Amino acid sequence: MGQQGRSAGTPLTPDDPPAIGPYELISRLGSGGMGTVYLAKAADGVQVALKAIRRDYTADPVYRARFHEEVSNARKVASFCTARVLDHGEHDGVLYLVTEYIEGVSLENHLIEHGPLTPSVLHSAAVGVAAALTAIHAAGLVHRDLKPANVMLTLGGPRVIDFGLARSTHVSSRHTNAGMVMGTPGWIAPEQVFEGRTSPAGDVFAWGSLIAYAGLGGHPFGEGDAYVMAARARTAPPDLRGLPAPLDRLVAAAIHPDPARRPAAKQLLLELVGAADEPAAQLAATRHLSSSWNPSEFPPLAEFPHNPQVRQAPPGWTPPPQAHQPQAHPPQPHPSQTHQPQAHHRTTGQGPLPGRGPVPRPAAQAPPPPRQAPLAPQQTGQVPLSAHQTGQMPLQPGPRGPAFPAKPKRSVFASCLTAIVVAIVLLVLLLAVLTWALRSPDPVGADSPVQDGKLKFAVTGTKCPKPARSATQRTCQVSVKVNNIGQEARVLYPGQQKLVDEDDALHGGTKLLDKAGTEVTPVRIGPGQSFSGALLFELPKEAQPAGLELHDSGLSTGVRVRLD
């Protein structure tokens, strides 16, 4: 449960114990599907957040074994932009987890009270959450419940909290009852809802949905229960109008329906801060948040006094508020419009997910996504077109024209023959048009520069030697020069570039070499700068290279070049 302003929670109930393990309980911070979270005091007087797991989970031996293993892994997560896990144990048959506690305002509550974030603050939030996911994934964990209630806005910057649903990436089976999915509607990736597959790509999907929600005031897939939202995420285009660059491009890539097409959290962080490798990205992210994060944007933070007994950075962890689910609130006006504070209310119609607990999986295939309602005119800036704007007017009955003299009748044979000839001609023309429309664009020759997005590519050489008789693969090296003609830095990733064989199959790049032939990490190309080097591709022995498909980013459609 995210900390709400300066509130220290609600008083303990008669059913609450006075202490759990060596921690004295002070108050209740909230409760959710996994258990109850308390504000507690350690033996040294430091205040912490303690989460007591529900007894039905504790009684499950499989859950108990995984709990101790995964919390041990969670303690290894770097504390940059996350809440540090401090301790865990068992007391009187109850498993508990202890994390840092600090004061802050949840992103969800801030959006409800003040509307969407300004572009600069939104970018900082995107950096902080991407950095947190990078650290979580590096420790071999998946968060599985990233949402606005689990992002705290603090004096030091945004922090991701609540590892209550975190799990190891190597665990393939779900620890839930048959047909159940864990998570919160609107923030669960479609593959997690329908197939029960959890992976870091699911967290990236949640990152994209969260940043769109924070920047636009509404969920990119509208409103609905878990299955409606997940079905839309697979079939309906998201509404990202109004997101500033480069977040529009990165968010679109992050919420791609195919998890294999989504960028990794590390890749998002690299692009957001314009770094070429992960250590540089962490340093750049630290500098970015130190220079751009302005706590005055969040009025409640100014009220927080410094308390040496409360760990201030990184911010604390607790489960999402019981009565504050980010259930796809109606879109808020854009930052340029006046925002009136709204009373917080729960969106009804969430179906099987009233809280953070399990969601029943559908017995049959998920229903097709309903048609997404159009946004109101004040939200989209578009108004319905009137008849004179479209050029279409209702047809009005008119007077009958004068009678024309009857024409002489043609023979039946001549009429049929004419109809057959006309039909054949029309069919041939239709086939020609369809063939032209559906054809793949002709690739450009290798000696001609091509452009995709803001990157201009030129192929300067190709080496694709015949493999040895005993080899199973062949290696192709393609020399390229890449120019950045845009106003923002771009990062060249070898895996985004594809070699096309004669069967039109695509093979992603495996390595990037500099001019000297030394392998390098993905390269950052600044505005107006260029990179010269080579891409390495591994393809099956029998495959014959025919061309390249070059991309500005993982989201772009790409442009093809023939390999002569």
Protein backbone atom coordinates (compact mmCIF):
# COMPACT_ATOMS: atom_id res chain seq x y z
CA MET A 1 0.00 0.00 0.00
CA GLY A 2 1.61 3.28 -1.10
CA GLN A 3 2.11 5.87 1.58
CA GLN A 4 -0.49 8.64 1.36
CA GLY A 5 1.07 12.02 2.05
CA ARG A 6 2.11 12.46 5.66
CA SER A 7 -0.45 9.96 6.86
CA ALA A 8 0.89 7.34 9.26
CA GLY A 9 -1.99 5.00 8.41
CA THR A 10 -4.92 3.98 10.55
CA PRO A 11 -4.89 2.64 14.12
CA LEU A 12 -4.27 -1.04 14.74
CA THR A 13 -7.35 -3.21 15.17
CA PRO A 14 -7.91 -5.68 18.02
CA ASP A 15 -7.04 -8.48 15.59
CA ASP A 16 -3.61 -7.02 14.85
CA PRO A 17 -0.68 -8.31 16.92
CA PRO A 18 1.43 -5.75 18.82
CA ALA A 19 4.58 -7.00 17.10
CA ILE A 20 5.71 -9.31 14.32
CA GLY A 21 9.16 -10.75 14.76
CA PRO A 22 11.48 -8.08 16.20
CA TYR A 23 9.31 -5.27 14.77
CA GLU A 24 6.85 -3.28 16.85
CA LEU A 25 3.70 -2.44 14.90
CA ILE A 26 2.65 1.23 14.95
CA SER A 27 -0.29 1.49 12.55
CA ARG A 28 -1.95 0.00 9.48
CA LEU A 29 -0.86 1.38 6.14
CA GLY A 30 -3.37 -0.71 4.24
CA SER A 31 -4.29 -4.18 3.05
CA GLY A 32 -4.62 -5.96 -0.27
CA GLY A 33 -4.86 -9.34 -1.93
CA MET A 34 -1.53 -10.56 -0.54
CA GLY A 35 -1.84 -9.39 3.06
CA THR A 36 -1.69 -6.39 5.41
CA VAL A 37 0.99 -3.71 5.52
CA TYR A 38 1.98 -2.03 8.77
CA LEU A 39 4.10 0.92 9.73
CA ALA A 40 6.54 -0.70 12.13
CA LYS A 41 9.58 0.18 14.21
CA ALA A 42 12.76 -1.85 14.19
CA ALA A 43 14.86 -2.52 17.28
CA ASP A 44 17.09 0.47 16.45
CA GLY A 45 14.05 2.76 16.26
CA VAL A 46 14.05 3.11 12.46
CA GLN A 47 10.57 3.07 10.93
CA VAL A 48 9.96 0.42 8.26
CA ALA A 49 7.09 -0.97 6.23
CA LEU A 50 6.21 -4.54 7.20
CA LYS A 51 3.98 -6.69 5.03
CA ALA A 52 2.32 -9.68 6.70
CA ILE A 53 1.38 -12.31 4.12
CA ARG A 54 -2.09 -13.85 4.29
CA ARG A 55 -2.24 -17.15 6.14
CA ASP A 56 -3.72 -19.07 3.21
CA TYR A 57 -0.60 -18.24 1.19
CA THR A 58 1.64 -19.02 4.16
CA ALA A 59 0.04 -22.44 4.49
CA ASP A 60 1.02 -23.39 0.94
CA PRO A 61 4.42 -25.17 1.09
CA VAL A 62 5.21 -24.25 -2.55
CA TYR A 63 4.57 -20.58 -1.85
CA ARG A 64 6.61 -20.69 1.36
CA ALA A 65 9.63 -22.16 -0.41
CA ARG A 66 9.45 -19.63 -3.22
CA PHE A 67 8.84 -16.73 -0.84
CA HIS A 68 12.14 -17.17 0.99
CA GLU A 69 14.10 -17.68 -2.23
CA GLU A 70 12.63 -14.73 -4.09
CA VAL A 71 12.82 -12.29 -1.19
CA SER A 72 16.48 -13.21 -0.88
CA ASN A 73 16.84 -12.30 -4.56
CA ALA A 74 14.88 -9.08 -4.01
CA ARG A 75 17.41 -8.00 -1.37
CA LYS A 76 20.03 -7.99 -4.14
CA VAL A 77 18.13 -5.42 -6.22
CA ALA A 78 20.08 -2.18 -6.56
CA SER A 79 18.33 0.55 -4.57
CA PHE A 80 18.43 3.13 -7.37
CA CYS A 81 14.80 4.25 -7.91
CA THR A 82 13.44 1.31 -5.87
CA ALA A 83 12.54 0.63 -2.26
CA ARG A 84 15.18 -1.57 -0.64
CA VAL A 85 14.09 -4.90 0.83
CA LEU A 86 15.53 -5.04 4.35
CA ASP A 87 14.42 -8.28 5.95
CA HIS A 88 11.99 -11.19 5.84
CA GLY A 89 11.03 -14.02 8.11
CA GLU A 90 8.21 -15.93 9.78
CA HIS A 91 6.43 -15.20 13.06
CA ASP A 92 3.70 -17.29 14.65
CA GLY A 93 2.96 -19.02 11.33
CA VAL A 94 2.89 -15.74 9.34
CA LEU A 95 5.42 -14.86 6.66
CA TYR A 96 6.48 -11.22 6.59
CA LEU A 97 8.53 -8.90 4.42
CA VAL A 98 10.26 -5.70 5.60
CA THR A 99 11.16 -2.80 3.30
CA GLU A 100 12.23 0.80 3.68
CA TYR A 101 9.54 3.30 4.59
CA ILE A 102 9.64 6.91 3.52
CA GLU A 103 7.09 9.64 3.09
CA GLY A 104 5.85 10.47 -0.36
CA VAL A 105 2.83 10.87 -2.63
CA SER A 106 1.71 8.07 -4.92
CA LEU A 107 1.63 8.89 -8.61
CA GLU A 108 -1.99 7.75 -8.67
CA ASN A 109 -3.09 10.23 -6.01
CA HIS A 110 -1.17 13.07 -7.65
CA LEU A 111 -2.84 12.39 -11.01
CA ILE A 112 -6.27 12.32 -9.38
CA GLU A 113 -5.71 15.64 -7.61
CA HIS A 114 -3.71 17.55 -10.22
CA GLY A 115 -4.13 15.86 -13.59
CA PRO A 116 -1.42 14.74 -16.04
CA LEU A 117 2.26 15.45 -15.45
CA THR A 118 4.05 18.21 -17.30
CA PRO A 119 6.36 16.99 -20.11
CA SER A 120 9.57 17.53 -18.11
CA VAL A 121 8.27 15.76 -15.01
CA LEU A 122 6.82 13.00 -17.18
CA HIS A 123 10.22 12.40 -18.75
CA SER A 124 11.83 12.21 -15.30
CA ALA A 125 9.18 9.75 -14.14
CA ALA A 126 9.81 7.63 -17.24
CA VAL A 127 13.56 7.64 -16.48
CA GLY A 128 13.09 6.72 -12.82
CA VAL A 129 10.64 3.88 -13.43
CA ALA A 130 12.74 2.48 -16.30
CA ALA A 131 15.83 2.59 -14.06
CA ALA A 132 13.95 0.74 -11.32
CA LEU A 133 12.79 -1.98 -13.71
CA THR A 134 16.33 -2.30 -15.06
CA ALA A 135 17.58 -2.98 -11.52
CA ILE A 136 14.74 -5.41 -10.75
CA HIS A 137 15.24 -7.37 -13.96
CA ALA A 138 19.01 -7.44 -13.47
CA ALA A 139 18.40 -9.29 -10.18
CA GLY A 140 16.39 -11.95 -12.01
CA LEU A 141 13.00 -10.72 -10.80
CA VAL A 142 9.77 -9.54 -12.42
CA HIS A 143 7.66 -6.97 -10.56
CA ARG A 144 4.28 -8.12 -12.01
CA ASP A 145 2.20 -5.31 -10.47
CA LEU A 146 3.63 -2.02 -11.72
CA LYS A 147 0.95 0.70 -11.71
CA PRO A 148 0.53 4.35 -10.60
CA ALA A 149 -0.27 3.32 -7.01
CA ASN A 150 3.13 1.60 -6.83
CA VAL A 151 5.16 4.61 -7.98
CA MET A 152 5.97 7.08 -5.21
CA LEU A 153 6.86 10.70 -5.88
CA THR A 154 9.42 11.70 -3.26
CA LEU A 155 11.79 14.55 -2.53
CA GLY A 156 14.57 12.62 -4.27
CA GLY A 157 12.59 11.52 -7.33
CA PRO A 158 10.22 8.75 -8.41
CA ARG A 159 10.55 5.33 -6.76
CA VAL A 160 8.99 1.98 -7.62
CA ILE A 161 7.58 0.16 -4.58
CA ASP A 162 5.75 -3.06 -3.72
CA PHE A 163 7.64 -6.22 -4.47
CA GLY A 164 4.74 -8.25 -3.02
CA LEU A 165 4.08 -9.89 -6.37
CA ALA A 166 7.69 -10.03 -7.56
CA ARG A 167 8.88 -13.40 -8.75
CA SER A 168 11.93 -14.99 -10.34
CA THR A 169 12.18 -14.83 -14.10
CA HIS A 170 13.27 -18.46 -14.28
CA VAL A 171 9.99 -19.74 -12.80
CA SER A 172 7.75 -20.74 -15.70
CA SER A 173 4.64 -21.87 -13.81
CA ARG A 174 2.28 -19.55 -12.00
CA HIS A 175 1.85 -19.97 -8.25
CA THR A 176 -1.89 -19.43 -8.24
CA ASN A 177 -4.94 -21.62 -8.26
CA ALA A 178 -5.88 -23.14 -11.59
CA GLY A 179 -7.30 -20.52 -13.92
CA MET A 180 -6.16 -17.51 -11.84
CA VAL A 181 -4.02 -14.53 -12.77
CA MET A 182 -2.36 -12.12 -10.34
CA GLY A 183 -2.29 -8.40 -11.00
CA THR A 184 -4.44 -5.31 -11.50
CA PRO A 185 -6.73 -4.58 -14.51
CA GLY A 186 -5.29 -2.28 -17.13
CA TRP A 187 -1.68 -2.85 -16.12
CA ILE A 188 -1.42 -6.57 -16.86
CA ALA A 189 0.14 -7.54 -20.19
CA PRO A 190 -2.23 -9.48 -22.47
CA GLU A 191 -0.02 -12.60 -22.51
CA GLN A 192 -0.17 -12.64 -18.70
CA VAL A 193 -3.97 -12.45 -18.69
CA PHE A 194 -4.69 -14.99 -21.43
CA GLU A 195 -1.75 -17.40 -21.25
CA GLY A 196 -0.45 -16.78 -17.73
CA ARG A 197 3.03 -15.96 -19.05
CA THR A 198 5.04 -13.58 -16.88
CA SER A 199 8.32 -12.09 -18.00
CA PRO A 200 10.23 -8.79 -17.91
CA ALA A 201 8.33 -7.88 -21.10
CA GLY A 202 5.15 -7.75 -19.01
CA ASP A 203 6.73 -5.11 -16.76
CA VAL A 204 7.74 -3.15 -19.87
CA PHE A 205 4.10 -3.25 -21.04
CA ALA A 206 3.04 -1.86 -17.66
CA TRP A 207 5.72 0.87 -17.96
CA GLY A 208 4.30 1.98 -21.30
CA SER A 209 0.71 2.00 -20.03
CA LEU A 210 1.75 3.88 -16.89
CA ILE A 211 3.69 6.60 -18.73
CA ALA A 212 0.82 7.11 -21.20
CA TYR A 213 -1.63 7.32 -18.28
CA ALA A 214 0.56 9.82 -16.43
CA GLY A 215 1.08 11.98 -19.52
CA LEU A 216 -2.46 11.95 -20.92
CA GLY A 217 -4.64 11.43 -17.86
CA GLY A 218 -6.29 8.32 -19.30
CA HIS A 219 -5.35 4.74 -20.06
CA PRO A 220 -4.29 4.22 -23.70
CA PHE A 221 -6.77 1.33 -24.01
CA GLY A 222 -9.72 3.00 -22.29
CA GLU A 223 -11.70 1.37 -19.48
CA GLY A 224 -12.87 -2.14 -18.68
CA ASP A 225 -12.11 -5.26 -16.70
CA ALA A 226 -8.92 -7.27 -17.00
CA TYR A 227 -9.99 -9.28 -20.04
CA VAL A 228 -11.54 -6.41 -21.95
CA MET A 229 -8.42 -4.31 -21.44
CA ALA A 230 -6.11 -7.19 -22.38
CA ALA A 231 -8.15 -7.98 -25.50
CA ARG A 232 -7.93 -4.35 -26.59
CA ALA A 233 -4.18 -4.38 -25.99
CA ARG A 234 -3.93 -7.23 -28.51
CA THR A 235 -6.24 -5.90 -31.21
CA ALA A 236 -7.01 -2.19 -30.81
CA PRO A 237 -4.60 0.67 -31.51
CA PRO A 238 -3.69 2.66 -28.37
CA ASP A 239 -4.60 6.32 -28.07
CA LEU A 240 -1.26 8.08 -27.56
CA ARG A 241 -2.17 11.47 -29.03
CA GLY A 242 -0.47 14.22 -27.07
CA LEU A 243 2.53 12.31 -25.70
CA PRO A 244 5.76 14.26 -26.26
CA ALA A 245 8.70 12.82 -28.19
CA PRO A 246 10.50 10.52 -27.66
CA LEU A 247 8.00 9.06 -25.18
CA ASP A 248 5.36 8.60 -27.89
CA ARG A 249 7.68 6.28 -29.80
CA LEU A 250 9.02 4.43 -26.75
CA VAL A 251 5.57 3.93 -25.19
CA ALA A 252 4.19 2.58 -28.47
CA ALA A 253 7.05 0.07 -28.59
CA ALA A 254 6.60 -0.87 -24.92
CA ILE A 255 2.89 -1.75 -25.29
CA HIS A 256 3.32 -3.76 -28.49
CA PRO A 257 0.97 -6.79 -28.33
CA ASP A 258 3.86 -9.16 -29.09
CA PRO A 259 6.14 -9.37 -26.02
CA ALA A 260 9.06 -10.35 -28.25
CA ARG A 261 8.78 -6.99 -30.03
CA ARG A 262 8.94 -4.88 -26.87
CA PRO A 263 12.25 -3.29 -25.88
CA ALA A 264 13.93 -4.31 -22.65
CA ALA A 265 13.78 -1.93 -19.68
CA LYS A 266 17.52 -1.40 -20.11
CA GLN A 267 16.99 -0.36 -23.73
CA LEU A 268 14.28 2.12 -22.68
CA LEU A 269 16.62 3.63 -20.11
CA LEU A 270 19.47 3.91 -22.61
CA GLU A 271 17.28 5.77 -25.09
CA LEU A 272 15.70 8.03 -22.47
CA VAL A 273 19.06 9.29 -21.20
CA GLY A 274 20.98 8.97 -24.49
CA ALA A 275 23.58 6.51 -23.20
CA ALA A 276 25.27 3.66 -25.03
CA ASP A 277 25.70 1.17 -22.18
CA GLU A 278 24.01 0.31 -18.89
CA PRO A 279 26.55 1.73 -16.39
CA ALA A 280 26.56 5.00 -18.30
CA ALA A 281 22.77 4.95 -18.31
CA GLN A 282 22.59 4.64 -14.50
CA LEU A 283 24.99 7.55 -14.12
CA ALA A 284 23.11 9.63 -16.69
CA ALA A 285 19.81 8.82 -14.99
CA THR A 286 21.21 9.94 -11.62
CA ARG A 287 22.40 13.22 -13.09
CA HIS A 288 19.12 13.71 -14.92
CA LEU A 289 16.99 13.25 -11.80
CA SER A 290 19.35 15.38 -9.70
CA SER A 291 19.09 18.28 -12.15
CA SER A 292 15.54 18.02 -13.45
CA TRP A 293 13.41 16.62 -10.59
CA ASN A 294 11.59 19.51 -8.97
CA PRO A 295 9.67 18.58 -5.77
CA SER A 296 7.83 21.91 -5.93
CA GLU A 297 5.75 20.34 -8.72
CA PHE A 298 4.19 18.19 -5.98
CA PRO A 299 2.86 20.49 -3.21
CA PRO A 300 2.38 17.79 -0.52
CA LEU A 301 6.10 16.98 -0.61
CA ALA A 302 6.95 20.42 0.70
CA GLU A 303 5.09 19.56 3.92
CA PHE A 304 7.30 16.60 4.74
CA PRO A 305 9.76 17.45 7.52
CA HIS A 306 13.07 15.65 7.58
CA ASN A 307 12.80 12.77 10.03
CA PRO A 308 16.11 11.02 10.74
CA GLN A 309 14.19 7.99 11.98
CA VAL A 310 12.59 7.50 8.57
CA ARG A 311 14.71 6.28 5.71
CA GLN A 312 14.37 8.95 3.05
CA ALA A 313 15.91 7.45 -0.06
CA PRO A 314 14.96 5.40 -1.85
CA PRO A 315 11.26 5.70 -1.02
CA GLY A 316 9.26 3.07 0.78
CA TRP A 317 7.36 0.06 -0.33
CA THR A 318 3.82 -1.01 0.50
CA PRO A 319 0.97 -2.57 -1.51
CA PRO A 320 -1.47 -0.40 -3.48
CA PRO A 321 -4.30 1.27 -1.56
CA GLN A 322 -7.40 -0.81 -1.03
CA ALA A 323 -9.77 1.88 -2.20
CA HIS A 324 -7.49 3.46 -4.77
CA GLN A 325 -7.12 1.20 -7.77
CA PRO A 326 -5.97 2.90 -10.99
CA GLN A 327 -8.87 1.31 -12.83
CA ALA A 328 -8.53 3.32 -16.02
CA HIS A 329 -9.81 6.69 -14.83
CA PRO A 330 -11.52 8.81 -17.48
CA PRO A 331 -8.95 10.78 -19.47
CA GLN A 332 -7.99 14.06 -17.85
CA PRO A 333 -7.57 17.32 -19.77
CA HIS A 334 -4.10 17.95 -21.11
CA PRO A 335 -1.64 20.00 -19.05
CA SER A 336 -2.41 23.08 -21.10
CA GLN A 337 -5.97 23.06 -19.80
CA THR A 338 -7.19 24.01 -16.34
CA HIS A 339 -7.49 21.09 -13.93
CA GLN A 340 -9.99 21.00 -11.14
CA PRO A 341 -9.23 18.62 -8.23
CA GLN A 342 -11.38 15.53 -8.53
CA ALA A 343 -12.92 13.43 -5.84
CA HIS A 344 -11.33 10.02 -5.99
CA HIS A 345 -13.72 7.22 -6.78
CA ARG A 346 -13.44 3.66 -7.91
CA THR A 347 -14.39 2.88 -11.44
CA THR A 348 -17.08 0.24 -11.40
CA GLY A 349 -17.36 -2.60 -13.84
CA GLN A 350 -13.94 -4.00 -13.04
CA GLY A 351 -15.46 -7.45 -12.96
CA PRO A 352 -13.28 -10.13 -11.38
CA LEU A 353 -10.59 -7.78 -10.04
CA PRO A 354 -11.95 -5.77 -7.09
CA GLY A 355 -8.49 -5.65 -5.54
CA ARG A 356 -5.01 -7.04 -6.05
CA GLY A 357 -6.14 -10.60 -5.53
CA PRO A 358 -6.53 -13.39 -8.08
CA VAL A 359 -8.53 -12.90 -11.26
CA PRO A 360 -10.51 -15.91 -12.61
CA ARG A 361 -9.21 -16.94 -16.02
CA PRO A 362 -11.97 -17.30 -18.67
CA ALA A 363 -13.14 -20.84 -19.38
CA ALA A 364 -13.25 -20.13 -23.11
CA GLN A 365 -11.50 -17.73 -25.40
CA ALA A 366 -11.59 -14.13 -24.24
CA PRO A 367 -14.45 -12.08 -25.73
CA PRO A 368 -13.58 -9.80 -28.59
CA PRO A 369 -12.67 -6.31 -27.43
CA PRO A 370 -15.59 -3.89 -27.50
CA ARG A 371 -15.34 -0.91 -29.72
CA GLN A 372 -13.49 1.81 -27.81
CA ALA A 373 -15.66 4.84 -27.22
CA PRO A 374 -14.35 8.03 -28.84
CA LEU A 375 -12.90 10.65 -26.55
CA ALA A 376 -14.93 13.74 -25.87
CA PRO A 377 -14.19 16.76 -28.12
CA GLN A 378 -12.42 18.67 -25.34
CA GLN A 379 -10.06 15.72 -24.89
CA THR A 380 -9.15 15.14 -28.51
CA GLY A 381 -9.50 18.59 -29.98
CA GLN A 382 -11.77 17.11 -32.65
CA VAL A 383 -15.43 17.86 -33.20
CA PRO A 384 -17.96 15.83 -35.19
CA LEU A 385 -17.99 16.83 -38.85
CA SER A 386 -21.20 18.40 -40.07
CA ALA A 387 -22.73 17.64 -43.44
CA HIS A 388 -21.23 20.70 -45.13
CA GLN A 389 -17.77 19.79 -43.81
CA THR A 390 -17.88 16.25 -45.17
CA GLY A 391 -19.48 17.23 -48.43
CA GLN A 392 -22.22 14.67 -47.90
CA MET A 393 -25.84 15.80 -47.71
CA PRO A 394 -28.94 13.70 -47.13
CA LEU A 395 -30.58 12.66 -50.38
CA GLN A 396 -33.87 14.39 -51.07
CA PRO A 397 -36.55 12.92 -53.37
CA GLY A 398 -36.89 14.94 -56.57
CA PRO A 399 -39.33 15.10 -59.41
CA ARG A 400 -39.23 12.40 -62.03
CA GLY A 401 -37.54 13.39 -65.28
CA PRO A 402 -39.18 13.43 -68.67
CA ALA A 403 -39.94 10.11 -70.30
CA PHE A 404 -37.38 9.06 -72.90
CA PRO A 405 -38.28 7.10 -75.97
CA ALA A 406 -37.62 3.37 -75.65
CA LYS A 407 -34.40 2.11 -77.24
CA PRO A 408 -34.46 -0.85 -79.53
CA LYS A 409 -33.75 -4.11 -77.68
CA ARG A 410 -30.37 -5.79 -78.19
CA SER A 411 -30.11 -9.52 -78.74
CA VAL A 412 -29.67 -11.64 -75.61
CA PHE A 413 -26.47 -13.22 -76.99
CA ALA A 414 -24.84 -9.84 -77.67
CA SER A 415 -25.73 -8.57 -74.22
CA CYS A 416 -24.31 -11.62 -72.47
CA LEU A 417 -21.12 -11.52 -74.54
CA THR A 418 -20.60 -7.85 -73.69
CA ALA A 419 -21.17 -8.51 -70.00
CA ILE A 420 -18.64 -11.37 -70.01
CA VAL A 421 -15.98 -9.25 -71.74
CA VAL A 422 -16.52 -6.35 -69.33
CA ALA A 423 -16.32 -8.71 -66.33
CA ILE A 424 -13.06 -10.24 -67.56
CA VAL A 425 -11.50 -6.81 -68.12
CA LEU A 426 -12.57 -5.61 -64.70
CA LEU A 427 -11.22 -8.79 -63.06
CA VAL A 428 -7.84 -8.36 -64.76
CA LEU A 429 -7.66 -4.71 -63.68
CA LEU A 430 -8.62 -5.63 -60.12
CA LEU A 431 -5.93 -8.30 -59.92
CA ALA A 432 -3.36 -5.87 -61.26
CA VAL A 433 -4.31 -3.22 -58.70
CA LEU A 434 -4.21 -5.73 -55.83
CA THR A 435 -0.84 -7.06 -56.96
CA TRP A 436 0.56 -3.53 -57.09
CA ALA A 437 -0.94 -2.54 -53.72
CA LEU A 438 0.20 -5.65 -51.86
CA ARG A 439 3.66 -5.92 -53.32
CA SER A 440 6.62 -5.34 -51.03
CA PRO A 441 8.42 -2.08 -51.74
CA ASP A 442 11.31 -2.63 -54.07
CA PRO A 443 14.52 -2.53 -52.08
CA VAL A 444 17.01 0.12 -52.96
CA GLY A 445 20.41 -0.85 -54.30
CA ALA A 446 23.24 -1.17 -51.83
CA ASP A 447 25.07 1.82 -53.32
CA SER A 448 22.17 4.20 -52.61
CA PRO A 449 21.71 5.76 -49.13
CA VAL A 450 18.35 5.07 -47.51
CA GLN A 451 16.58 6.67 -44.59
CA ASP A 452 14.37 5.28 -41.84
CA GLY A 453 13.13 7.74 -39.23
CA LYS A 454 16.02 10.06 -38.40
CA LEU A 455 18.81 7.67 -39.39
CA LYS A 456 20.31 7.59 -42.87
CA PHE A 457 22.09 4.35 -43.80
CA ALA A 458 24.66 3.61 -46.49
CA VAL A 459 25.98 0.09 -47.11
CA THR A 460 29.69 0.32 -47.92
CA GLY A 461 30.62 -3.36 -48.17
CA THR A 462 29.46 -6.94 -47.71
CA LYS A 463 31.37 -10.09 -46.76
CA CYS A 464 29.39 -13.31 -46.64
CA PRO A 465 31.86 -16.13 -47.26
CA LYS A 466 30.78 -19.67 -47.99
CA PRO A 467 30.72 -21.63 -44.71
CA ALA A 468 32.88 -24.64 -44.02
CA ARG A 469 31.43 -28.04 -44.89
CA SER A 470 31.13 -28.97 -41.21
CA ALA A 471 29.55 -25.65 -40.19
CA THR A 472 25.85 -25.28 -39.42
CA GLN A 473 25.76 -21.49 -39.80
CA ARG A 474 27.33 -18.83 -41.91
CA THR A 475 28.44 -15.39 -40.80
CA CYS A 476 27.83 -12.28 -42.87
CA GLN A 477 29.51 -8.93 -42.20
CA VAL A 478 27.93 -5.80 -43.66
CA SER A 479 29.81 -2.51 -43.43
CA VAL A 480 27.59 0.54 -42.93
CA LYS A 481 27.76 4.26 -42.37
CA VAL A 482 24.90 5.67 -40.30
CA ASN A 483 24.11 9.40 -40.07
CA ASN A 484 21.73 10.93 -37.52
CA ILE A 485 19.89 13.78 -39.27
CA GLY A 486 17.46 14.38 -36.37
CA GLN A 487 17.49 16.73 -33.40
CA GLU A 488 17.75 13.96 -30.78
CA ALA A 489 20.42 11.36 -30.08
CA ARG A 490 19.72 7.91 -31.44
CA VAL A 491 21.10 4.55 -30.30
CA LEU A 492 22.07 1.98 -32.95
CA TYR A 493 21.20 -1.54 -31.78
CA PRO A 494 22.50 -4.44 -33.90
CA GLY A 495 19.52 -6.65 -33.02
CA GLN A 496 17.11 -4.19 -34.64
CA GLN A 497 18.85 -4.52 -38.01
CA LYS A 498 17.81 -7.51 -40.10
CA LEU A 499 19.46 -9.50 -42.87
CA VAL A 500 16.92 -10.76 -45.42
CA ASP A 501 17.52 -14.08 -47.14
CA GLU A 502 16.16 -15.28 -50.49
CA ASP A 503 13.11 -16.77 -48.76
CA ASP A 504 12.35 -13.35 -47.24
CA ALA A 505 13.19 -14.63 -43.73
CA LEU A 506 14.71 -12.07 -41.35
CA HIS A 507 17.86 -12.64 -39.27
CA GLY A 508 18.67 -10.09 -36.54
CA GLY A 509 22.16 -8.70 -36.12
CA THR A 510 24.27 -10.33 -33.43
CA LYS A 511 27.22 -7.94 -33.05
CA LEU A 512 28.33 -4.40 -33.84
CA LEU A 513 31.93 -3.69 -34.84
CA ASP A 514 33.79 -0.39 -35.03
CA LYS A 515 36.10 0.65 -37.87
CA ALA A 516 38.94 -1.42 -36.41
CA GLY A 517 36.76 -4.53 -36.25
CA THR A 518 36.44 -4.47 -32.46
CA GLU A 519 33.08 -5.45 -30.99
CA VAL A 520 31.30 -2.51 -29.34
CA THR A 521 28.12 -2.02 -27.35
CA PRO A 522 25.08 -0.32 -28.93
CA VAL A 523 26.33 3.04 -30.15
CA ARG A 524 24.83 6.42 -29.29
CA ILE A 525 24.79 8.71 -32.33
CA GLY A 526 24.28 12.37 -31.46
CA PRO A 527 22.41 14.89 -33.63
CA GLY A 528 24.37 15.52 -36.81
CA GLN A 529 26.89 12.79 -35.96
CA SER A 530 27.64 9.54 -37.78
CA PHE A 531 28.94 6.05 -37.11
CA SER A 532 30.99 3.85 -39.42
CA GLY A 533 31.41 0.17 -38.66
CA ALA A 534 29.95 -3.22 -39.44
CA LEU A 535 27.01 -5.41 -38.50
CA LEU A 536 27.44 -9.16 -38.03
CA PHE A 537 24.65 -11.59 -38.85
CA GLU A 538 24.42 -15.33 -38.17
CA LEU A 539 22.13 -17.31 -40.47
CA PRO A 540 21.60 -20.96 -41.39
CA LYS A 541 24.24 -22.51 -43.62
CA GLU A 542 21.91 -22.96 -46.57
CA ALA A 543 20.41 -19.44 -46.38
CA GLN A 544 21.38 -17.05 -49.15
CA PRO A 545 21.55 -13.34 -48.16
CA ALA A 546 19.54 -11.07 -50.42
CA GLY A 547 19.20 -7.76 -48.62
CA LEU A 548 19.05 -5.73 -45.42
CA GLU A 549 16.12 -4.30 -43.47
CA LEU A 550 17.43 -1.27 -41.57
CA HIS A 551 15.63 0.36 -38.66
CA ASP A 552 15.79 3.64 -36.78
CA SER A 553 14.19 1.89 -33.78
CA GLY A 554 12.45 -1.30 -32.79
CA LEU A 555 9.12 0.35 -33.60
CA SER A 556 9.87 1.62 -37.11
CA THR A 557 8.74 -0.18 -40.26
CA GLY A 558 12.28 -0.16 -41.65
CA VAL A 559 13.67 0.28 -45.13
CA ARG A 560 15.17 -2.44 -47.33
CA VAL A 561 18.41 -2.45 -49.26
CA ARG A 562 19.48 -5.05 -51.84
CA LEU A 563 22.79 -6.79 -51.38
CA ASP A 564 24.25 -6.99 -54.88
